[in-house]
């Protein structure tokens, strides 16, 4: 039986690790977690906030997905959006999910991210 999502992996282009660290740790406030040495040799970086893990793996012919994305639940979604905007990230609000406030944004390599908070 599946009991939980262990992690979500997103792709990134070679040489993008510093930009990813600045965004995921600095802007989103996640903590970088060490990769096992055999996997660290492949590049990329892993991040965690609470039980949520996002892993960024290097893909030689990287193209960001246009629709696929992780949905990240946050508290204080409006303040979180302001935080991203202050860091220069785009924020696109979407009111189409009943019972939630949510917006979309993109990481520095073009991965789409959804941030949402239940309203009731």
Protein backbone atom coordinates (compact mmCIF):
# COMPACT_ATOMS: atom_id res chain seq x y z
CA UNK A 1 0.00 0.00 0.00
CA UNK A 2 1.18 3.52 -0.75
CA UNK A 3 1.36 5.49 2.50
CA UNK A 4 2.86 8.84 1.49
CA UNK A 5 4.73 10.74 -1.18
CA UNK A 6 8.40 10.42 -0.29
CA UNK A 7 9.63 13.21 -2.57
CA UNK A 8 9.05 15.03 -5.84
CA UNK A 9 11.85 15.25 -8.37
CA UNK A 10 12.14 18.13 -10.79
CA UNK A 11 14.69 18.42 -13.57
CA UNK A 12 17.21 21.22 -14.03
CA UNK A 13 19.92 22.05 -16.57
CA UNK A 14 23.60 21.38 -15.95
CA UNK A 15 25.36 24.09 -13.95
CA UNK A 16 22.18 25.51 -12.36
CA UNK A 17 22.80 24.36 -8.77
CA UNK A 18 23.80 27.78 -7.39
CA UNK A 19 20.64 29.42 -8.81
CA UNK A 20 18.55 26.58 -7.41
CA UNK A 21 20.13 26.95 -3.95
CA UNK A 22 19.50 30.70 -3.98
CA UNK A 23 15.84 30.15 -4.87
CA UNK A 24 14.84 27.04 -2.93
CA UNK A 25 16.82 27.81 0.24
CA UNK A 26 16.98 31.60 0.11
CA UNK A 27 13.61 32.55 -1.37
CA UNK A 28 11.38 29.59 -0.47
CA UNK A 29 13.06 29.02 2.90
CA UNK A 30 13.71 25.30 2.41
CA UNK A 31 16.76 23.55 3.85
CA UNK A 32 19.25 21.89 1.54
CA UNK A 33 19.80 18.28 2.53
CA UNK A 34 22.88 16.27 1.54
CA UNK A 35 22.66 13.81 -1.32
CA UNK A 36 24.32 10.41 -0.88
CA UNK A 37 27.87 10.64 -2.32
CA UNK A 38 27.17 8.35 -5.28
CA UNK A 39 24.20 10.55 -6.28
CA UNK A 40 25.96 13.85 -5.47
CA UNK A 41 28.46 13.05 -8.22
CA UNK A 42 25.60 13.42 -10.73
CA UNK A 43 24.97 17.04 -9.71
CA UNK A 44 21.68 18.57 -8.65
CA UNK A 45 20.51 19.33 -5.12
CA UNK A 46 17.82 18.28 -2.66
CA UNK A 47 15.70 20.48 -0.38
CA UNK A 48 13.31 19.88 2.50
CA UNK A 49 10.68 21.82 4.46
CA UNK A 50 8.98 19.76 7.17
CA UNK A 51 8.21 16.40 5.57
CA UNK A 52 8.19 17.83 2.02
CA UNK A 53 11.22 17.01 -0.12
CA UNK A 54 11.95 18.48 -3.54
CA UNK A 55 14.86 16.97 -5.42
CA UNK A 56 16.37 18.75 -8.39
CA UNK A 57 18.17 16.38 -10.74
CA UNK A 58 20.38 17.42 -13.62
CA UNK A 59 19.09 16.64 -17.09
CA UNK A 60 21.43 17.24 -20.03
CA UNK A 61 18.72 18.24 -22.53
CA UNK A 62 16.52 19.97 -19.95
CA UNK A 63 13.21 21.50 -20.97
CA UNK A 64 10.85 22.62 -18.18
CA UNK A 65 7.40 21.03 -18.17
CA UNK A 66 4.65 23.44 -19.21
CA UNK A 67 1.83 21.89 -17.12
CA UNK A 68 3.28 19.37 -14.64
CA UNK A 69 4.14 20.81 -11.22
CA UNK A 70 4.24 20.06 -7.50
CA UNK A 71 1.51 21.65 -5.39
CA UNK A 72 3.04 23.07 -2.21
CA UNK A 73 0.72 23.83 0.70
CA UNK A 74 1.73 26.96 2.60
CA UNK A 75 0.45 29.03 5.48
CA UNK A 76 -0.05 32.74 4.84
CA UNK A 77 -0.31 32.35 1.07
CA UNK A 78 -0.60 36.10 0.43
CA UNK A 79 2.54 36.87 2.45
CA UNK A 80 4.31 33.99 0.71
CA UNK A 81 3.36 35.44 -2.69
CA UNK A 82 4.70 38.83 -1.61
CA UNK A 83 7.95 37.15 -0.54
CA UNK A 84 8.37 35.62 -3.99
CA UNK A 85 7.51 38.86 -5.77
CA UNK A 86 10.03 40.77 -3.62
CA UNK A 87 12.67 38.30 -4.83
CA UNK A 88 11.72 38.98 -8.45
CA UNK A 89 9.63 35.86 -9.09
CA UNK A 90 6.39 36.07 -11.03
CA UNK A 91 3.16 35.30 -9.18
CA UNK A 92 0.00 34.37 -11.09
CA UNK A 93 -3.11 34.00 -8.94
CA UNK A 94 -5.68 31.34 -9.87
CA UNK A 95 -9.08 31.30 -8.17
CA UNK A 96 -10.41 28.18 -9.91
CA UNK A 97 -9.88 25.68 -7.07
CA UNK A 98 -12.81 25.88 -4.64
CA UNK A 99 -11.85 26.17 -0.99
CA UNK A 100 -8.30 27.36 -1.70
CA UNK A 101 -6.27 30.48 -2.42
CA UNK A 102 -3.50 29.62 -4.81
CA UNK A 103 -0.94 30.98 -7.19
CA UNK A 104 1.63 29.71 -9.64
CA UNK A 105 5.23 30.74 -9.97
CA UNK A 106 8.40 29.45 -11.63
CA UNK A 107 11.80 28.56 -10.27
CA UNK A 108 14.91 30.07 -11.90
CA UNK A 109 15.11 27.29 -14.51
CA UNK A 110 11.43 27.43 -15.50
CA UNK A 111 9.86 24.68 -13.37
CA UNK A 112 6.23 25.53 -12.59
CA UNK A 113 5.29 25.49 -8.89
CA UNK A 114 1.84 25.81 -7.32
CA UNK A 115 1.45 27.32 -3.85
CA UNK A 116 -1.90 26.89 -2.12
CA UNK A 117 -3.65 27.35 1.19
CA UNK A 118 -7.09 26.03 2.17
CA UNK A 119 -9.56 28.84 2.91
CA UNK A 120 -12.06 27.06 5.09
